[in-house]
Amino acid sequence: MLKTLHHEEETEQEQWLAAYWKDFRRRFVSLLSYQFSYFTPSMALNILQNKNVMMASLNLIQRSELELSLTPYDLKRLEMYSRNMVDYHLIMDLIPSIARIFFLQQLGELSLSVAQSALLLGIGLQHKSVDQLEKEIELPSSQLMGLFNRIIRKIVQQFNRILEKAVEEDMVATKEVIMEPTMKTLSEDLEEAAKEFQEKHKQEVEKLKGIDLSQYVIRGQDDEWNDVLKKTGQNASVISVKSDKKRKPEQTEPEGFKQKKMFKKNKDKRPKFRS
């Protein structure tokens, strides 16, 4: 492994080693499914664990990056397996992507035991079967499958945290409501509202004074209305009172005009003869 000498004096120059290690780790993870698949999981795991390089911080994969590798249906399958609802064969196509995300340290502070890391590396990156790993890790297959289920359970929980955090960031931030005392008391507010109402009422009354409301006057005296109500009864829907207002007399035509009109009609009724 590469490491810098005089670590205390050359803190500024060690950045090149971290960048070199990131590039090597990314390429080595991709090549583990080829000739490096002949390595035992323990050997490959020792190569990927370089304690000489001090990383500034652990990167946490974002939701947009996670959605490029796993769909919502894929996450649902992982969750179903973590609850022992389906067999592990249903999620085997997702293990390479999950193993790559984990060994590139994109899952934050998620930690696995040595046996769990070796199992995830062997299945996800080296594409080995459970029977092969049973011999190389020296654990029975039943115990390996139990470790595998715990791995998926931890990873599903971390994925849920990432998605929940993304949803919280997308939500509108709630505004803090600051309760401040009012400048006026309740009685002062009521008095001010009463004054405004009185002023508006006066203005409306002044407007009504200039309007001719005689057309809306109800004809008839109180005695006349009482007599009508006694005759019709209380259940009557329509009642009326004789109005004092006289109708305009119909215009009569003069007699001379009528005679001329009759003569004209008789003249039109005479038969016409052709010559």
C-alpha atoms as a PDB file:
ATOM      1  CA  MET A   1       0.000   0.000   0.000  1.00  0.00           C
ATOM      2  CA  LEU A   2       1.095   3.535  -0.699  1.00  0.00           C
ATOM      3  CA  LYS A   3       1.396   6.015   2.115  1.00  0.00           C
ATOM      4  CA  THR A   4       3.055   9.381   2.625  1.00  0.00           C
ATOM      5  CA  LEU A   5       6.145   9.843   4.766  1.00  0.00           C
ATOM      6  CA  HIS A   6       6.364  12.562   7.399  1.00  0.00           C
ATOM      7  CA  HIS A   7       2.600  12.779   7.683  1.00  0.00           C
ATOM      8  CA  GLU A   8       2.671  15.704  10.102  1.00  0.00           C
ATOM      9  CA  GLU A   9       4.745  17.900   7.782  1.00  0.00           C
ATOM     10  CA  GLU A  10       3.145  17.115   4.433  1.00  0.00           C
ATOM     11  CA  THR A  11      -0.561  17.550   5.106  1.00  0.00           C
ATOM     12  CA  GLU A  12      -1.057  19.648   1.956  1.00  0.00           C
ATOM     13  CA  GLN A  13       0.619  17.130  -0.371  1.00  0.00           C
ATOM     14  CA  GLU A  14      -1.412  14.102   0.751  1.00  0.00           C
ATOM     15  CA  GLN A  15      -4.428  15.121  -1.360  1.00  0.00           C
ATOM     16  CA  TRP A  16      -2.929  13.416  -4.404  1.00  0.00           C
ATOM     17  CA  LEU A  17      -2.877  10.099  -2.534  1.00  0.00           C
ATOM     18  CA  ALA A  18      -6.594  10.317  -1.675  1.00  0.00           C
ATOM     19  CA  ALA A  19      -7.444  11.103  -5.314  1.00  0.00           C
ATOM     20  CA  TYR A  20      -5.238   8.227  -6.520  1.00  0.00           C
ATOM     21  CA  TRP A  21      -6.860   5.842  -4.036  1.00  0.00           C
ATOM     22  CA  LYS A  22     -10.390   6.801  -5.146  1.00  0.00           C
ATOM     23  CA  ASP A  23      -9.543   6.119  -8.774  1.00  0.00           C
ATOM     24  CA  PHE A  24      -7.858   2.790  -7.946  1.00  0.00           C
ATOM     25  CA  ARG A  25     -10.766   1.658  -5.775  1.00  0.00           C
ATOM     26  CA  ARG A  26     -13.340   2.474  -8.466  1.00  0.00           C
ATOM     27  CA  ARG A  27     -11.418   0.543 -11.133  1.00  0.00           C
ATOM     28  CA  PHE A  28     -10.641  -2.390  -8.831  1.00  0.00           C
ATOM     29  CA  VAL A  29     -14.321  -2.754  -7.873  1.00  0.00           C
ATOM     30  CA  SER A  30     -15.255  -2.953 -11.558  1.00  0.00           C
ATOM     31  CA  LEU A  31     -12.528  -5.533 -12.328  1.00  0.00           C
ATOM     32  CA  LEU A  32     -13.395  -7.889  -9.468  1.00  0.00           C
ATOM     33  CA  SER A  33     -15.880  -9.692 -11.723  1.00  0.00           C
ATOM     34  CA  TYR A  34     -13.097 -10.563 -14.214  1.00  0.00           C
ATOM     35  CA  GLN A  35      -9.643 -12.043 -13.456  1.00  0.00           C
ATOM     36  CA  PHE A  36      -9.721 -10.695  -9.915  1.00  0.00           C
ATOM     37  CA  SER A  37     -12.660 -12.995  -9.221  1.00  0.00           C
ATOM     38  CA  TYR A  38     -10.064 -15.715  -8.489  1.00  0.00           C
ATOM     39  CA  PHE A  39      -9.065 -13.770  -5.380  1.00  0.00           C
ATOM     40  CA  THR A  40     -10.579 -14.939  -2.148  1.00  0.00           C
ATOM     41  CA  PRO A  41     -13.082 -12.487  -0.642  1.00  0.00           C
ATOM     42  CA  SER A  42     -10.759 -11.899   2.297  1.00  0.00           C
ATOM     43  CA  MET A  43      -7.860 -10.889   0.017  1.00  0.00           C
ATOM     44  CA  ALA A  44     -10.016  -8.558  -2.090  1.00  0.00           C
ATOM     45  CA  LEU A  45     -11.474  -7.062   1.073  1.00  0.00           C
ATOM     46  CA  ASN A  46      -7.992  -6.320   2.452  1.00  0.00           C
ATOM     47  CA  ILE A  47      -7.118  -4.490  -0.765  1.00  0.00           C
ATOM     48  CA  LEU A  48     -10.252  -2.336  -0.562  1.00  0.00           C
ATOM     49  CA  GLN A  49      -9.644  -1.402   3.079  1.00  0.00           C
ATOM     50  CA  ASN A  50      -6.802   1.113   3.021  1.00  0.00           C
ATOM     51  CA  LYS A  51      -6.425   2.728   6.416  1.00  0.00           C
ATOM     52  CA  ASN A  52      -3.393   4.757   5.346  1.00  0.00           C
ATOM     53  CA  VAL A  53      -5.561   7.170   3.354  1.00  0.00           C
ATOM     54  CA  MET A  54      -7.468   9.678   5.467  1.00  0.00           C
ATOM     55  CA  MET A  55     -10.763  10.508   3.768  1.00  0.00           C
ATOM     56  CA  ALA A  56     -12.210  13.941   4.448  1.00  0.00           C
ATOM     57  CA  SER A  57     -15.812  12.762   4.810  1.00  0.00           C
ATOM     58  CA  LEU A  58     -18.048   9.885   3.831  1.00  0.00           C
ATOM     59  CA  ASN A  59     -20.194  10.625   0.803  1.00  0.00           C
ATOM     60  CA  LEU A  60     -23.896   9.816   0.975  1.00  0.00           C
ATOM     61  CA  ILE A  61     -25.567   8.955  -2.295  1.00  0.00           C
ATOM     62  CA  GLN A  62     -28.331  11.333  -3.359  1.00  0.00           C
ATOM     63  CA  ARG A  63     -31.828  10.274  -4.365  1.00  0.00           C
ATOM     64  CA  SER A  64     -31.249  11.223  -8.020  1.00  0.00           C
ATOM     65  CA  GLU A  65     -28.120   9.037  -8.131  1.00  0.00           C
ATOM     66  CA  LEU A  66     -29.883   6.184  -6.352  1.00  0.00           C
ATOM     67  CA  GLU A  67     -32.760   6.252  -8.837  1.00  0.00           C
ATOM     68  CA  LEU A  68     -30.269   5.728 -11.681  1.00  0.00           C
ATOM     69  CA  SER A  69     -29.306   2.340 -10.217  1.00  0.00           C
ATOM     70  CA  LEU A  70     -32.505   1.216  -8.482  1.00  0.00           C
ATOM     71  CA  THR A  71     -36.128   1.811  -9.398  1.00  0.00           C
ATOM     72  CA  PRO A  72     -38.963   2.064  -6.845  1.00  0.00           C
ATOM     73  CA  TYR A  73     -39.950  -1.487  -7.793  1.00  0.00           C
ATOM     74  CA  ASP A  74     -36.395  -2.663  -7.040  1.00  0.00           C
ATOM     75  CA  LEU A  75     -36.526  -1.033  -3.614  1.00  0.00           C
ATOM     76  CA  LYS A  76     -39.860  -2.734  -3.002  1.00  0.00           C
ATOM     77  CA  ARG A  77     -38.325  -6.128  -3.827  1.00  0.00           C
ATOM     78  CA  LEU A  78     -35.460  -5.489  -1.421  1.00  0.00           C
ATOM     79  CA  GLU A  79     -37.873  -4.533   1.321  1.00  0.00           C
ATOM     80  CA  MET A  80     -39.937  -7.678   0.734  1.00  0.00           C
ATOM     81  CA  TYR A  81     -36.824  -9.847   1.011  1.00  0.00           C
ATOM     82  CA  SER A  82     -35.726  -8.077   4.198  1.00  0.00           C
ATOM     83  CA  ARG A  83     -39.097  -9.087   5.681  1.00  0.00           C
ATOM     84  CA  ASN A  84     -38.642 -12.721   4.555  1.00  0.00           C
ATOM     85  CA  MET A  85     -41.577 -12.448   2.153  1.00  0.00           C
ATOM     86  CA  VAL A  86     -39.697 -13.599  -0.986  1.00  0.00           C
ATOM     87  CA  ASP A  87     -36.696 -15.777  -1.833  1.00  0.00           C
ATOM     88  CA  TYR A  88     -33.213 -14.309  -2.341  1.00  0.00           C
ATOM     89  CA  HIS A  89     -33.259 -15.299  -6.038  1.00  0.00           C
ATOM     90  CA  LEU A  90     -35.726 -12.452  -6.651  1.00  0.00           C
ATOM     91  CA  ILE A  91     -33.123  -9.800  -5.748  1.00  0.00           C
ATOM     92  CA  MET A  92     -29.896 -11.338  -7.087  1.00  0.00           C
ATOM     93  CA  ASP A  93     -29.900  -8.966 -10.080  1.00  0.00           C
ATOM     94  CA  LEU A  94     -29.704  -5.987  -7.684  1.00  0.00           C
ATOM     95  CA  ILE A  95     -26.755  -7.183  -5.574  1.00  0.00           C
ATOM     96  CA  PRO A  96     -23.979  -5.981  -7.981  1.00  0.00           C
ATOM     97  CA  SER A  97     -25.341  -2.415  -7.930  1.00  0.00           C
ATOM     98  CA  ILE A  98     -25.773  -2.469  -4.147  1.00  0.00           C
ATOM     99  CA  ALA A  99     -22.272  -3.890  -3.587  1.00  0.00           C
ATOM    100  CA  ARG A 100     -20.732  -1.240  -5.839  1.00  0.00           C
ATOM    101  CA  ILE A 101     -22.518   1.559  -3.970  1.00  0.00           C
ATOM    102  CA  PHE A 102     -21.378   0.160  -0.612  1.00  0.00           C
ATOM    103  CA  PHE A 103     -17.710  -0.431  -1.468  1.00  0.00           C
ATOM    104  CA  LEU A 104     -17.434   3.007  -3.072  1.00  0.00           C
ATOM    105  CA  GLN A 105     -18.472   4.287   0.377  1.00  0.00           C
ATOM    106  CA  GLN A 106     -21.620   6.036  -0.829  1.00  0.00           C
ATOM    107  CA  LEU A 107     -23.835   4.809   2.007  1.00  0.00           C
ATOM    108  CA  GLY A 108     -22.506   7.146   4.666  1.00  0.00           C
ATOM    109  CA  GLU A 109     -21.771   5.609   8.049  1.00  0.00           C
ATOM    110  CA  LEU A 110     -23.328   2.217   7.275  1.00  0.00           C
ATOM    111  CA  SER A 111     -20.995  -0.449   8.680  1.00  0.00           C
ATOM    112  CA  LEU A 112     -20.922  -4.216   8.144  1.00  0.00           C
ATOM    113  CA  SER A 113     -18.964  -6.908   9.900  1.00  0.00           C
ATOM    114  CA  VAL A 114     -15.993  -8.567   8.204  1.00  0.00           C
ATOM    115  CA  ALA A 115     -18.013 -11.677   7.364  1.00  0.00           C
ATOM    116  CA  GLN A 116     -20.892  -9.595   5.978  1.00  0.00           C
ATOM    117  CA  SER A 117     -18.528  -7.455   3.877  1.00  0.00           C
ATOM    118  CA  ALA A 118     -16.786 -10.551   2.489  1.00  0.00           C
ATOM    119  CA  LEU A 119     -20.136 -12.135   1.649  1.00  0.00           C
ATOM    120  CA  LEU A 120     -21.412  -8.996  -0.111  1.00  0.00           C
ATOM    121  CA  LEU A 121     -18.141  -8.679  -2.035  1.00  0.00           C
ATOM    122  CA  GLY A 122     -18.175 -12.327  -3.109  1.00  0.00           C
ATOM    123  CA  ILE A 123     -21.808 -12.321  -4.302  1.00  0.00           C
ATOM    124  CA  GLY A 124     -22.097  -8.777  -5.639  1.00  0.00           C
ATOM    125  CA  LEU A 125     -18.659  -8.021  -7.106  1.00  0.00           C
ATOM    126  CA  GLN A 126     -17.106 -11.440  -7.804  1.00  0.00           C
ATOM    127  CA  HIS A 127     -20.425 -13.083  -8.789  1.00  0.00           C
ATOM    128  CA  LYS A 128     -19.715 -16.235  -6.811  1.00  0.00           C
ATOM    129  CA  SER A 129     -22.325 -18.741  -5.705  1.00  0.00           C
ATOM    130  CA  VAL A 130     -23.207 -19.520  -2.110  1.00  0.00           C
ATOM    131  CA  ASP A 131     -21.561 -22.955  -2.442  1.00  0.00           C
ATOM    132  CA  GLN A 132     -18.234 -21.365  -3.456  1.00  0.00           C
ATOM    133  CA  LEU A 133     -18.378 -18.834  -0.640  1.00  0.00           C
ATOM    134  CA  GLU A 134     -19.197 -21.585   1.843  1.00  0.00           C
ATOM    135  CA  LYS A 135     -15.731 -23.034   1.204  1.00  0.00           C
ATOM    136  CA  GLU A 136     -13.836 -19.727   0.985  1.00  0.00           C
ATOM    137  CA  ILE A 137     -15.405 -17.999   3.998  1.00  0.00           C
ATOM    138  CA  GLU A 138     -15.620 -21.306   5.905  1.00  0.00           C
ATOM    139  CA  LEU A 139     -19.188 -20.830   7.104  1.00  0.00           C
ATOM    140  CA  PRO A 140     -22.228 -23.059   6.455  1.00  0.00           C
ATOM    141  CA  SER A 141     -24.670 -21.914   3.784  1.00  0.00           C
ATOM    142  CA  SER A 142     -27.507 -21.473   6.295  1.00  0.00           C
ATOM    143  CA  GLN A 143     -25.395 -19.042   8.309  1.00  0.00           C
ATOM    144  CA  LEU A 144     -24.326 -17.228   5.141  1.00  0.00           C
ATOM    145  CA  MET A 145     -27.961 -16.733   4.122  1.00  0.00           C
ATOM    146  CA  GLY A 146     -28.749 -15.360   7.570  1.00  0.00           C
ATOM    147  CA  LEU A 147     -25.895 -12.860   7.234  1.00  0.00           C
ATOM    148  CA  PHE A 148     -27.075 -11.982   3.738  1.00  0.00           C
ATOM    149  CA  ASN A 149     -30.574 -11.164   5.011  1.00  0.00           C
ATOM    150  CA  ARG A 150     -29.129  -8.888   7.704  1.00  0.00           C
ATOM    151  CA  ILE A 151     -27.036  -7.092   5.082  1.00  0.00           C
ATOM    152  CA  ILE A 152     -30.073  -6.351   2.928  1.00  0.00           C
ATOM    153  CA  ARG A 153     -32.055  -5.244   5.976  1.00  0.00           C
ATOM    154  CA  LYS A 154     -29.409  -2.667   6.935  1.00  0.00           C
ATOM    155  CA  ILE A 155     -29.085  -1.413   3.367  1.00  0.00           C
ATOM    156  CA  VAL A 156     -32.873  -1.059   2.957  1.00  0.00           C
ATOM    157  CA  GLN A 157     -33.031   1.012   6.140  1.00  0.00           C
ATOM    158  CA  GLN A 158     -30.265   3.274   4.831  1.00  0.00           C
ATOM    159  CA  PHE A 159     -32.043   3.676   1.480  1.00  0.00           C
ATOM    160  CA  ASN A 160     -35.245   4.656   3.304  1.00  0.00           C
ATOM    161  CA  ARG A 161     -33.355   7.304   5.277  1.00  0.00           C
ATOM    162  CA  ILE A 162     -31.963   8.752   2.045  1.00  0.00           C
ATOM    163  CA  LEU A 163     -35.420   8.924   0.454  1.00  0.00           C
ATOM    164  CA  GLU A 164     -37.019  10.419   3.568  1.00  0.00           C
ATOM    165  CA  LYS A 165     -34.318  13.075   3.765  1.00  0.00           C
ATOM    166  CA  ALA A 166     -34.899  13.990   0.110  1.00  0.00           C
ATOM    167  CA  VAL A 167     -38.647  14.326   0.725  1.00  0.00           C
ATOM    168  CA  GLU A 168     -38.033  16.588   3.726  1.00  0.00           C
ATOM    169  CA  GLU A 169     -35.803  18.844   1.632  1.00  0.00           C
ATOM    170  CA  ASP A 170     -38.455  19.105  -1.085  1.00  0.00           C
ATOM    171  CA  MET A 171     -41.175  20.076   1.352  1.00  0.00           C
ATOM    172  CA  VAL A 172     -41.903  23.764   1.874  1.00  0.00           C
ATOM    173  CA  ALA A 173     -40.333  25.047   5.042  1.00  0.00           C
ATOM    174  CA  THR A 174     -42.958  26.011   7.597  1.00  0.00           C
ATOM    175  CA  LYS A 175     -42.948  29.637   8.651  1.00  0.00           C
ATOM    176  CA  GLU A 176     -42.664  30.371  12.324  1.00  0.00           C
ATOM    177  CA  VAL A 177     -45.684  32.269  13.606  1.00  0.00           C
ATOM    178  CA  ILE A 178     -44.737  35.029  16.026  1.00  0.00           C
ATOM    179  CA  MET A 179     -47.534  36.117  18.330  1.00  0.00           C
ATOM    180  CA  GLU A 180     -47.260  39.793  19.193  1.00  0.00           C
ATOM    181  CA  PRO A 181     -49.562  41.816  21.495  1.00  0.00           C
ATOM    182  CA  THR A 182     -52.054  44.101  19.760  1.00  0.00           C
ATOM    183  CA  MET A 183     -51.674  47.864  19.933  1.00  0.00           C
ATOM    184  CA  LYS A 184     -55.351  48.399  20.888  1.00  0.00           C
ATOM    185  CA  THR A 185     -57.602  46.778  23.447  1.00  0.00           C
ATOM    186  CA  LEU A 186     -60.744  44.868  22.527  1.00  0.00           C
ATOM    187  CA  SER A 187     -63.059  47.690  23.682  1.00  0.00           C
ATOM    188  CA  GLU A 188     -61.161  50.226  21.557  1.00  0.00           C
ATOM    189  CA  ASP A 189     -61.465  47.989  18.488  1.00  0.00           C
ATOM    190  CA  LEU A 190     -65.215  47.605  19.078  1.00  0.00           C
ATOM    191  CA  GLU A 191     -65.723  51.363  19.471  1.00  0.00           C
ATOM    192  CA  GLU A 192     -63.798  52.056  16.275  1.00  0.00           C
ATOM    193  CA  ALA A 193     -65.854  49.472  14.381  1.00  0.00           C
ATOM    194  CA  ALA A 194     -69.098  50.998  15.740  1.00  0.00           C
ATOM    195  CA  LYS A 195     -68.081  54.470  14.556  1.00  0.00           C
ATOM    196  CA  GLU A 196     -67.300  53.165  11.079  1.00  0.00           C
ATOM    197  CA  PHE A 197     -70.689  51.433  10.925  1.00  0.00           C
ATOM    198  CA  GLN A 198     -72.548  54.600  11.972  1.00  0.00           C
ATOM    199  CA  GLU A 199     -70.755  56.695   9.349  1.00  0.00           C
ATOM    200  CA  LYS A 200     -71.609  54.202   6.610  1.00  0.00           C
ATOM    201  CA  HIS A 201     -75.223  54.076   7.806  1.00  0.00           C
ATOM    202  CA  LYS A 202     -75.533  57.878   7.646  1.00  0.00           C
ATOM    203  CA  GLN A 203     -74.145  57.926   4.125  1.00  0.00           C
ATOM    204  CA  GLU A 204     -76.652  55.300   2.984  1.00  0.00           C
ATOM    205  CA  VAL A 205     -79.562  57.199   4.576  1.00  0.00           C
ATOM    206  CA  GLU A 206     -78.518  60.413   2.818  1.00  0.00           C
ATOM    207  CA  LYS A 207     -78.495  58.567  -0.497  1.00  0.00           C
ATOM    208  CA  LEU A 208     -82.026  57.231   0.100  1.00  0.00           C
ATOM    209  CA  LYS A 209     -83.410  60.713   0.866  1.00  0.00           C
ATOM    210  CA  GLY A 210     -82.813  61.887  -2.676  1.00  0.00           C
ATOM    211  CA  ILE A 211     -84.593  58.911  -4.279  1.00  0.00           C
ATOM    212  CA  ASP A 212     -88.330  58.987  -5.176  1.00  0.00           C
ATOM    213  CA  LEU A 213     -89.866  55.964  -3.431  1.00  0.00           C
ATOM    214  CA  SER A 214     -93.498  56.724  -4.238  1.00  0.00           C
ATOM    215  CA  GLN A 215     -93.625  53.907  -6.786  1.00  0.00           C
ATOM    216  CA  TYR A 216     -93.023  51.400  -3.979  1.00  0.00           C
ATOM    217  CA  VAL A 217     -95.911  52.659  -1.786  1.00  0.00           C
ATOM    218  CA  ILE A 218     -98.465  49.964  -0.873  1.00  0.00           C
ATOM    219  CA  ARG A 219    -102.002  51.132  -1.667  1.00  0.00           C
ATOM    220  CA  GLY A 220    -104.906  50.812   0.709  1.00  0.00           C
ATOM    221  CA  GLN A 221    -105.654  51.697   4.319  1.00  0.00           C
ATOM    222  CA  ASP A 222    -105.189  49.490   7.364  1.00  0.00           C
ATOM    223  CA  ASP A 223    -108.955  48.965   7.713  1.00  0.00           C
ATOM    224  CA  GLU A 224    -109.211  47.778   4.131  1.00  0.00           C
ATOM    225  CA  TRP A 225    -106.383  45.288   4.598  1.00  0.00           C
ATOM    226  CA  ASN A 226    -107.933  43.970   7.814  1.00  0.00           C
ATOM    227  CA  ASP A 227    -111.285  43.430   6.076  1.00  0.00           C
ATOM    228  CA  VAL A 228    -109.629  41.563   3.216  1.00  0.00           C
ATOM    229  CA  LEU A 229    -107.678  39.345   5.611  1.00  0.00           C
ATOM    230  CA  LYS A 230    -110.844  38.475   7.527  1.00  0.00           C
ATOM    231  CA  LYS A 231    -112.645  37.493   4.329  1.00  0.00           C
ATOM    232  CA  THR A 232    -109.845  35.470   2.724  1.00  0.00           C
ATOM    233  CA  GLY A 233    -108.403  33.943   5.886  1.00  0.00           C
ATOM    234  CA  GLN A 234    -104.808  33.520   7.014  1.00  0.00           C
ATOM    235  CA  ASN A 235    -104.058  30.682   4.580  1.00  0.00           C
ATOM    236  CA  ALA A 236    -104.590  32.809   1.479  1.00  0.00           C
ATOM    237  CA  SER A 237    -101.539  33.058  -0.734  1.00  0.00           C
ATOM    238  CA  VAL A 238    -102.577  36.112  -2.779  1.00  0.00           C
ATOM    239  CA  ILE A 239    -104.758  39.021  -1.663  1.00  0.00           C
ATOM    240  CA  SER A 240    -105.526  42.389  -3.230  1.00  0.00           C
ATOM    241  CA  VAL A 241    -107.153  45.685  -2.309  1.00  0.00           C
ATOM    242  CA  LYS A 242    -108.956  48.059  -4.604  1.00  0.00           C
ATOM    243  CA  SER A 243    -106.652  50.847  -5.618  1.00  0.00           C
ATOM    244  CA  ASP A 244    -107.666  54.496  -5.384  1.00  0.00           C
ATOM    245  CA  LYS A 245    -105.692  55.207  -8.490  1.00  0.00           C
ATOM    246  CA  LYS A 246    -108.062  55.698 -11.397  1.00  0.00           C
ATOM    247  CA  ARG A 247    -107.326  54.284 -14.780  1.00  0.00           C
ATOM    248  CA  LYS A 248    -106.894  56.645 -17.663  1.00  0.00           C
ATOM    249  CA  PRO A 249    -110.057  56.842 -19.815  1.00  0.00           C
ATOM    250  CA  GLU A 250    -109.748  55.264 -23.183  1.00  0.00           C
ATOM    251  CA  GLN A 251    -109.447  57.774 -26.003  1.00  0.00           C
ATOM    252  CA  THR A 252    -112.641  57.881 -28.089  1.00  0.00           C
ATOM    253  CA  GLU A 253    -112.538  58.768 -31.708  1.00  0.00           C
ATOM    254  CA  PRO A 254    -114.788  61.599 -32.966  1.00  0.00           C
ATOM    255  CA  GLU A 255    -117.966  60.635 -34.864  1.00  0.00           C
ATOM    256  CA  GLY A 256    -116.898  62.349 -38.070  1.00  0.00           C
ATOM    257  CA  PHE A 257    -113.670  60.356 -38.117  1.00  0.00           C
ATOM    258  CA  LYS A 258    -115.619  57.109 -37.608  1.00  0.00           C
ATOM    259  CA  GLN A 259    -117.983  57.879 -40.530  1.00  0.00           C
ATOM    260  CA  LYS A 260    -115.059  58.599 -42.835  1.00  0.00           C
ATOM    261  CA  LYS A 261    -113.442  55.358 -41.798  1.00  0.00           C
ATOM    262  CA  MET A 262    -116.625  53.338 -42.440  1.00  0.00           C
ATOM    263  CA  PHE A 263    -117.109  55.004 -45.844  1.00  0.00           C
ATOM    264  CA  LYS A 264    -113.551  54.094 -46.796  1.00  0.00           C
ATOM    265  CA  LYS A 265    -114.099  50.450 -45.821  1.00  0.00           C
ATOM    266  CA  ASN A 266    -117.338  50.236 -47.853  1.00  0.00           C
ATOM    267  CA  LYS A 267    -115.612  51.785 -50.809  1.00  0.00           C
ATOM    268  CA  ASP A 268    -112.901  49.141 -50.704  1.00  0.00           C
ATOM    269  CA  LYS A 269    -115.522  46.365 -50.641  1.00  0.00           C
ATOM    270  CA  ARG A 270    -117.150  47.415 -53.963  1.00  0.00           C
ATOM    271  CA  PRO A 271    -116.566  44.915 -56.789  1.00  0.00           C
ATOM    272  CA  LYS A 272    -114.146  45.892 -59.465  1.00  0.00           C
ATOM    273  CA  PHE A 273    -115.112  45.414 -63.159  1.00  0.00           C
ATOM    274  CA  ARG A 274    -112.820  45.117 -66.086  1.00  0.00           C
ATOM    275  CA  SER A 275    -113.542  47.123 -69.219  1.00  0.00           C
END
